[in-house]
Amino acid sequence: MLASMKGAIFDLDGTLLDSMGVWRQIDIVFLGKRGFRVPDDYLKAITAKNFSDAAAYTIARFELPETEEAVVDEWFSMAIDAYANDVKLKPYVREYIEKLKQRGIKIAAATSSDRRLFEPCLRRHGIYEFFDAFVVTTEVRRAKGFPDVYQKAAERLKLTESDCIVYEDILKGIEGAKMGGFYTVGVEDIHSCYEKEEIRRLSDRYIVSFQELL
């Protein structure tokens, strides 16, 4: 499938961008200011959610007085500088993206992130223009764990599910893509190591580094 694909659909955080550590630190600071430690299952609970859904979950779980908008704004203010200046590409991402473009493969991003965060980061690393489409989970009915965001990405590439490969670092992403009939590549990330074996089992292929695909 890797040799015959026409479209590549990438998650961003944890897959192409080495950014999950930023979010773990935000969780620690945000909850710490309110007198909470980050529960062991919190990451798994919010990783596949968009900002609004994650904020709603956080408010309900910790019985916070803030609005969803206020929580998202606080998260965003902590993240924007890191994405603009510090977040790096994972190893060999640029080389792999360039290889795909040289082969004429269409490229899309399917992400739960905010365009105001990922666009400056991708531009800083010189790969923004390689993407033919971007889809954020707020544009579709269901979050990751379902195929909606990947199907929308394939649609924007004017390709079918069978033409595309989905690259994901979280189990919910792999599950949703598989549900939609996509070939999947699980990408290892230290921050999803708690579900690594399940990702490895379910993915059509699993990689530790994009160097393996060059």
C-alpha atoms as a PDB file:
ATOM      1  CA  MET A   1       0.000   0.000   0.000  1.00  0.00           C
ATOM      2  CA  LEU A   2       2.801   2.459   0.800  1.00  0.00           C
ATOM      3  CA  ALA A   3       4.127   2.059  -2.728  1.00  0.00           C
ATOM      4  CA  SER A   4       0.752   2.579  -4.410  1.00  0.00           C
ATOM      5  CA  MET A   5      -0.850   5.305  -2.301  1.00  0.00           C
ATOM      6  CA  LYS A   6      -2.139   8.505  -3.876  1.00  0.00           C
ATOM      7  CA  GLY A   7      -2.807  10.442  -0.683  1.00  0.00           C
ATOM      8  CA  ALA A   8      -1.192  10.761   2.751  1.00  0.00           C
ATOM      9  CA  ILE A   9      -3.284  12.027   5.682  1.00  0.00           C
ATOM     10  CA  PHE A  10      -1.239  13.031   8.715  1.00  0.00           C
ATOM     11  CA  ASP A  11      -2.180  13.801  12.264  1.00  0.00           C
ATOM     12  CA  LEU A  12       0.003  16.679  13.468  1.00  0.00           C
ATOM     13  CA  ASP A  13       0.633  16.671  17.240  1.00  0.00           C
ATOM     14  CA  GLY A  14       2.698  13.642  18.194  1.00  0.00           C
ATOM     15  CA  THR A  15       2.876  12.398  14.607  1.00  0.00           C
ATOM     16  CA  LEU A  16       4.642  15.105  12.608  1.00  0.00           C
ATOM     17  CA  LEU A  17       5.182  17.615  15.417  1.00  0.00           C
ATOM     18  CA  ASP A  18       7.099  16.801  18.588  1.00  0.00           C
ATOM     19  CA  SER A  19       4.587  18.844  20.555  1.00  0.00           C
ATOM     20  CA  MET A  20       2.895  16.557  23.045  1.00  0.00           C
ATOM     21  CA  GLY A  21       5.362  17.526  25.757  1.00  0.00           C
ATOM     22  CA  VAL A  22       4.076  21.106  25.453  1.00  0.00           C
ATOM     23  CA  TRP A  23       0.560  19.919  26.192  1.00  0.00           C
ATOM     24  CA  ARG A  24       1.642  17.772  29.111  1.00  0.00           C
ATOM     25  CA  GLN A  25       3.309  20.800  30.678  1.00  0.00           C
ATOM     26  CA  ILE A  26       0.194  22.898  30.053  1.00  0.00           C
ATOM     27  CA  ASP A  27      -1.892  20.239  31.809  1.00  0.00           C
ATOM     28  CA  ILE A  28       0.455  20.298  34.797  1.00  0.00           C
ATOM     29  CA  VAL A  29       0.450  24.094  35.075  1.00  0.00           C
ATOM     30  CA  PHE A  30      -3.270  24.549  34.397  1.00  0.00           C
ATOM     31  CA  LEU A  31      -4.475  21.936  36.877  1.00  0.00           C
ATOM     32  CA  GLY A  32      -1.722  22.758  39.382  1.00  0.00           C
ATOM     33  CA  LYS A  33      -2.939  26.367  39.618  1.00  0.00           C
ATOM     34  CA  ARG A  34      -6.296  24.939  40.674  1.00  0.00           C
ATOM     35  CA  GLY A  35      -4.889  22.550  43.253  1.00  0.00           C
ATOM     36  CA  PHE A  36      -4.994  19.335  41.213  1.00  0.00           C
ATOM     37  CA  ARG A  37      -2.389  16.894  39.999  1.00  0.00           C
ATOM     38  CA  VAL A  38      -2.819  15.481  36.503  1.00  0.00           C
ATOM     39  CA  PRO A  39      -4.589  12.109  36.888  1.00  0.00           C
ATOM     40  CA  ASP A  40      -3.021   9.133  35.153  1.00  0.00           C
ATOM     41  CA  ASP A  41      -6.018   8.704  32.833  1.00  0.00           C
ATOM     42  CA  TYR A  42      -6.474  12.392  31.967  1.00  0.00           C
ATOM     43  CA  LEU A  43      -4.237  12.349  28.898  1.00  0.00           C
ATOM     44  CA  LYS A  44      -6.043   9.365  27.430  1.00  0.00           C
ATOM     45  CA  ALA A  45      -9.401  11.004  28.099  1.00  0.00           C
ATOM     46  CA  ILE A  46      -8.682  14.280  26.271  1.00  0.00           C
ATOM     47  CA  THR A  47      -6.114  13.446  23.576  1.00  0.00           C
ATOM     48  CA  ALA A  48      -8.627  12.734  20.805  1.00  0.00           C
ATOM     49  CA  LYS A  49     -10.885  15.683  21.697  1.00  0.00           C
ATOM     50  CA  ASN A  50     -10.878  19.129  20.134  1.00  0.00           C
ATOM     51  CA  PHE A  51     -10.252  22.132  22.394  1.00  0.00           C
ATOM     52  CA  SER A  52     -13.901  22.814  23.223  1.00  0.00           C
ATOM     53  CA  ASP A  53     -14.716  19.198  24.046  1.00  0.00           C
ATOM     54  CA  ALA A  54     -11.535  18.843  26.121  1.00  0.00           C
ATOM     55  CA  ALA A  55     -12.417  22.023  28.008  1.00  0.00           C
ATOM     56  CA  ALA A  56     -15.963  20.778  28.681  1.00  0.00           C
ATOM     57  CA  TYR A  57     -14.589  17.470  29.947  1.00  0.00           C
ATOM     58  CA  THR A  58     -12.035  19.207  32.178  1.00  0.00           C
ATOM     59  CA  ILE A  59     -14.599  21.591  33.655  1.00  0.00           C
ATOM     60  CA  ALA A  60     -16.984  18.736  34.441  1.00  0.00           C
ATOM     61  CA  ARG A  61     -14.337  16.410  35.843  1.00  0.00           C
ATOM     62  CA  PHE A  62     -12.716  18.941  38.168  1.00  0.00           C
ATOM     63  CA  GLU A  63     -15.882  20.961  38.840  1.00  0.00           C
ATOM     64  CA  LEU A  64     -14.259  24.183  37.662  1.00  0.00           C
ATOM     65  CA  PRO A  65     -16.143  27.492  37.692  1.00  0.00           C
ATOM     66  CA  GLU A  66     -14.676  28.681  34.357  1.00  0.00           C
ATOM     67  CA  THR A  67     -16.453  28.692  31.010  1.00  0.00           C
ATOM     68  CA  GLU A  68     -15.254  26.527  28.112  1.00  0.00           C
ATOM     69  CA  GLU A  69     -14.144  29.685  26.306  1.00  0.00           C
ATOM     70  CA  ALA A  70     -12.046  30.842  29.265  1.00  0.00           C
ATOM     71  CA  VAL A  71     -10.334  27.465  29.608  1.00  0.00           C
ATOM     72  CA  VAL A  72      -9.553  27.277  25.882  1.00  0.00           C
ATOM     73  CA  ASP A  73      -8.205  30.830  25.926  1.00  0.00           C
ATOM     74  CA  GLU A  74      -5.888  30.001  28.829  1.00  0.00           C
ATOM     75  CA  TRP A  75      -4.613  26.851  27.122  1.00  0.00           C
ATOM     76  CA  PHE A  76      -4.137  28.724  23.872  1.00  0.00           C
ATOM     77  CA  SER A  77      -2.203  31.569  25.488  1.00  0.00           C
ATOM     78  CA  MET A  78       0.216  29.053  27.019  1.00  0.00           C
ATOM     79  CA  ALA A  79       0.664  27.140  23.746  1.00  0.00           C
ATOM     80  CA  ILE A  80       0.942  29.847  21.115  1.00  0.00           C
ATOM     81  CA  ASP A  81       4.490  30.940  21.920  1.00  0.00           C
ATOM     82  CA  ALA A  82       5.751  27.350  22.052  1.00  0.00           C
ATOM     83  CA  TYR A  83       4.269  26.518  18.642  1.00  0.00           C
ATOM     84  CA  ALA A  84       5.569  29.714  17.080  1.00  0.00           C
ATOM     85  CA  ASN A  85       9.100  29.356  18.433  1.00  0.00           C
ATOM     86  CA  ASP A  86       9.939  26.032  20.050  1.00  0.00           C
ATOM     87  CA  VAL A  87       7.967  23.023  18.750  1.00  0.00           C
ATOM     88  CA  LYS A  88      10.108  20.918  16.430  1.00  0.00           C
ATOM     89  CA  LEU A  89       9.355  18.430  13.691  1.00  0.00           C
ATOM     90  CA  LYS A  90       9.880  14.823  14.636  1.00  0.00           C
ATOM     91  CA  PRO A  91      13.017  13.270  13.088  1.00  0.00           C
ATOM     92  CA  TYR A  92      12.961  12.706   9.306  1.00  0.00           C
ATOM     93  CA  VAL A  93       9.523  14.269   8.871  1.00  0.00           C
ATOM     94  CA  ARG A  94      10.721  16.889   6.404  1.00  0.00           C
ATOM     95  CA  GLU A  95      12.639  14.321   4.377  1.00  0.00           C
ATOM     96  CA  TYR A  96       9.609  12.033   4.195  1.00  0.00           C
ATOM     97  CA  ILE A  97       7.175  14.828   3.269  1.00  0.00           C
ATOM     98  CA  GLU A  98       9.545  15.951   0.531  1.00  0.00           C
ATOM     99  CA  LYS A  99       9.777  12.398  -0.774  1.00  0.00           C
ATOM    100  CA  LEU A 100       6.000  12.123  -0.981  1.00  0.00           C
ATOM    101  CA  LYS A 101       5.717  15.425  -2.876  1.00  0.00           C
ATOM    102  CA  GLN A 102       8.409  14.303  -5.304  1.00  0.00           C
ATOM    103  CA  ARG A 103       6.276  11.237  -6.020  1.00  0.00           C
ATOM    104  CA  GLY A 104       3.225  13.400  -6.701  1.00  0.00           C
ATOM    105  CA  ILE A 105       1.324  12.209  -3.619  1.00  0.00           C
ATOM    106  CA  LYS A 106      -1.311  14.561  -2.231  1.00  0.00           C
ATOM    107  CA  ILE A 107      -0.894  15.458   1.442  1.00  0.00           C
ATOM    108  CA  ALA A 108      -3.488  16.465   4.037  1.00  0.00           C
ATOM    109  CA  ALA A 109      -3.503  17.097   7.772  1.00  0.00           C
ATOM    110  CA  ALA A 110      -6.320  15.793   9.985  1.00  0.00           C
ATOM    111  CA  THR A 111      -5.946  17.335  13.412  1.00  0.00           C
ATOM    112  CA  SER A 112      -7.665  18.286  16.653  1.00  0.00           C
ATOM    113  CA  SER A 113      -5.378  21.311  16.948  1.00  0.00           C
ATOM    114  CA  ASP A 114      -6.072  24.949  16.146  1.00  0.00           C
ATOM    115  CA  ARG A 115      -4.876  26.448  12.887  1.00  0.00           C
ATOM    116  CA  ARG A 116      -3.490  29.471  14.768  1.00  0.00           C
ATOM    117  CA  LEU A 117      -1.089  27.062  16.471  1.00  0.00           C
ATOM    118  CA  PHE A 118      -0.037  24.619  13.783  1.00  0.00           C
ATOM    119  CA  GLU A 119       0.164  26.971  10.787  1.00  0.00           C
ATOM    120  CA  PRO A 120       2.990  29.178  12.168  1.00  0.00           C
ATOM    121  CA  CYS A 121       4.838  26.042  13.263  1.00  0.00           C
ATOM    122  CA  LEU A 122       4.587  24.359   9.857  1.00  0.00           C
ATOM    123  CA  ARG A 123       5.584  27.588   8.115  1.00  0.00           C
ATOM    124  CA  ARG A 124       8.599  28.040  10.394  1.00  0.00           C
ATOM    125  CA  HIS A 125       9.790  24.564   9.424  1.00  0.00           C
ATOM    126  CA  GLY A 126       9.171  25.194   5.723  1.00  0.00           C
ATOM    127  CA  ILE A 127       6.635  22.422   5.105  1.00  0.00           C
ATOM    128  CA  TYR A 128       3.297  24.266   5.191  1.00  0.00           C
ATOM    129  CA  GLU A 129       3.188  24.620   1.413  1.00  0.00           C
ATOM    130  CA  PHE A 130       3.572  20.857   0.969  1.00  0.00           C
ATOM    131  CA  PHE A 131       0.020  20.331   2.264  1.00  0.00           C
ATOM    132  CA  ASP A 132      -2.880  20.237  -0.169  1.00  0.00           C
ATOM    133  CA  ALA A 133      -5.579  20.317   2.537  1.00  0.00           C
ATOM    134  CA  PHE A 134      -6.138  20.794   6.256  1.00  0.00           C
ATOM    135  CA  VAL A 135      -9.097  19.463   8.243  1.00  0.00           C
ATOM    136  CA  VAL A 136      -9.711  20.255  11.911  1.00  0.00           C
ATOM    137  CA  THR A 137     -12.039  18.074  13.965  1.00  0.00           C
ATOM    138  CA  THR A 138     -14.290  21.059  14.687  1.00  0.00           C
ATOM    139  CA  GLU A 139     -15.262  20.898  10.999  1.00  0.00           C
ATOM    140  CA  VAL A 140     -16.798  17.422  11.305  1.00  0.00           C
ATOM    141  CA  ARG A 141     -19.551  15.909  13.420  1.00  0.00           C
ATOM    142  CA  ARG A 142     -17.514  13.410  15.440  1.00  0.00           C
ATOM    143  CA  ALA A 143     -14.068  13.516  17.044  1.00  0.00           C
ATOM    144  CA  LYS A 144     -11.175  11.149  16.482  1.00  0.00           C
ATOM    145  CA  GLY A 145     -12.229   7.633  17.323  1.00  0.00           C
ATOM    146  CA  PHE A 146     -14.506   7.941  14.287  1.00  0.00           C
ATOM    147  CA  PRO A 147     -13.536   8.247  10.614  1.00  0.00           C
ATOM    148  CA  ASP A 148     -15.137  11.658   9.956  1.00  0.00           C
ATOM    149  CA  VAL A 149     -12.002  13.846   9.957  1.00  0.00           C
ATOM    150  CA  TYR A 150     -10.053  11.410   7.754  1.00  0.00           C
ATOM    151  CA  GLN A 151     -12.947  11.020   5.328  1.00  0.00           C
ATOM    152  CA  LYS A 152     -13.226  14.798   5.046  1.00  0.00           C
ATOM    153  CA  ALA A 153      -9.482  15.000   4.371  1.00  0.00           C
ATOM    154  CA  ALA A 154      -9.721  12.367   1.610  1.00  0.00           C
ATOM    155  CA  GLU A 155     -12.672  14.245   0.140  1.00  0.00           C
ATOM    156  CA  ARG A 156     -10.676  17.473   0.029  1.00  0.00           C
ATOM    157  CA  LEU A 157      -7.858  15.634  -1.721  1.00  0.00           C
ATOM    158  CA  LYS A 158     -10.472  14.295  -4.186  1.00  0.00           C
ATOM    159  CA  LEU A 159      -9.438  10.750  -3.335  1.00  0.00           C
ATOM    160  CA  THR A 160     -11.157   7.671  -1.916  1.00  0.00           C
ATOM    161  CA  GLU A 161     -10.364   6.005   1.397  1.00  0.00           C
ATOM    162  CA  SER A 162      -8.635   3.167  -0.439  1.00  0.00           C
ATOM    163  CA  ASP A 163      -6.280   5.680  -2.089  1.00  0.00           C
ATOM    164  CA  CYS A 164      -5.035   7.122   1.205  1.00  0.00           C
ATOM    165  CA  ILE A 165      -2.858   6.208   4.151  1.00  0.00           C
ATOM    166  CA  VAL A 166      -3.495   7.693   7.591  1.00  0.00           C
ATOM    167  CA  TYR A 167      -0.557   8.324   9.955  1.00  0.00           C
ATOM    168  CA  GLU A 168      -1.463   8.587  13.645  1.00  0.00           C
ATOM    169  CA  ASP A 169       0.208   8.409  17.051  1.00  0.00           C
ATOM    170  CA  ILE A 170      -2.880   7.747  19.202  1.00  0.00           C
ATOM    171  CA  LEU A 171      -5.120   4.709  19.470  1.00  0.00           C
ATOM    172  CA  LYS A 172      -8.347   6.658  18.903  1.00  0.00           C
ATOM    173  CA  GLY A 173      -6.909   7.961  15.648  1.00  0.00           C
ATOM    174  CA  ILE A 174      -5.970   4.508  14.419  1.00  0.00           C
ATOM    175  CA  GLU A 175      -9.359   3.133  15.460  1.00  0.00           C
ATOM    176  CA  GLY A 176     -11.236   5.881  13.626  1.00  0.00           C
ATOM    177  CA  ALA A 177      -9.179   5.555  10.461  1.00  0.00           C
ATOM    178  CA  LYS A 178      -9.570   1.772  10.419  1.00  0.00           C
ATOM    179  CA  MET A 179     -13.319   2.197  10.902  1.00  0.00           C
ATOM    180  CA  GLY A 180     -13.314   4.299   7.726  1.00  0.00           C
ATOM    181  CA  GLY A 181     -11.439   1.692   5.697  1.00  0.00           C
ATOM    182  CA  PHE A 182      -8.084   3.486   5.581  1.00  0.00           C
ATOM    183  CA  TYR A 183      -4.678   1.814   5.604  1.00  0.00           C
ATOM    184  CA  THR A 184      -2.986   3.007   8.797  1.00  0.00           C
ATOM    185  CA  VAL A 185       0.557   3.679   9.941  1.00  0.00           C
ATOM    186  CA  GLY A 186       1.020   3.932  13.703  1.00  0.00           C
ATOM    187  CA  VAL A 187       3.744   6.418  14.628  1.00  0.00           C
ATOM    188  CA  GLU A 188       5.505   5.976  17.947  1.00  0.00           C
ATOM    189  CA  ASP A 189       5.430   8.870  20.385  1.00  0.00           C
ATOM    190  CA  ILE A 190       6.704   8.768  23.940  1.00  0.00           C
ATOM    191  CA  HIS A 191       3.549  10.445  25.202  1.00  0.00           C
ATOM    192  CA  SER A 192       1.295   7.673  23.890  1.00  0.00           C
ATOM    193  CA  CYS A 193       3.474   4.832  25.146  1.00  0.00           C
ATOM    194  CA  TYR A 194       0.690   3.762  27.531  1.00  0.00           C
ATOM    195  CA  GLU A 195      -1.265   2.477  24.495  1.00  0.00           C
ATOM    196  CA  LYS A 196       1.694   1.546  22.312  1.00  0.00           C
ATOM    197  CA  GLU A 197       0.996  -2.181  22.136  1.00  0.00           C
ATOM    198  CA  GLU A 198      -2.646  -1.614  21.168  1.00  0.00           C
ATOM    199  CA  ILE A 199      -1.588   0.851  18.463  1.00  0.00           C
ATOM    200  CA  ARG A 200       1.009  -1.603  17.185  1.00  0.00           C
ATOM    201  CA  ARG A 201      -1.537  -4.427  17.098  1.00  0.00           C
ATOM    202  CA  LEU A 202      -4.227  -2.467  15.282  1.00  0.00           C
ATOM    203  CA  SER A 203      -2.077  -0.527  12.788  1.00  0.00           C
ATOM    204  CA  ASP A 204      -1.358  -1.964   9.361  1.00  0.00           C
ATOM    205  CA  ARG A 205       2.209  -0.815   9.896  1.00  0.00           C
ATOM    206  CA  TYR A 206       3.987   0.630  12.923  1.00  0.00           C
ATOM    207  CA  ILE A 207       7.073   2.845  12.836  1.00  0.00           C
ATOM    208  CA  VAL A 208       9.378   4.268  15.475  1.00  0.00           C
ATOM    209  CA  SER A 209      10.742   6.890  13.056  1.00  0.00           C
ATOM    210  CA  PHE A 210       9.916   8.178   9.585  1.00  0.00           C
ATOM    211  CA  GLN A 211      13.447   7.170   8.647  1.00  0.00           C
ATOM    212  CA  GLU A 212      12.044   3.661   8.246  1.00  0.00           C
ATOM    213  CA  LEU A 213       9.906   4.854   5.321  1.00  0.00           C
ATOM    214  CA  LEU A 214      12.625   6.687   3.426  1.00  0.00           C
END
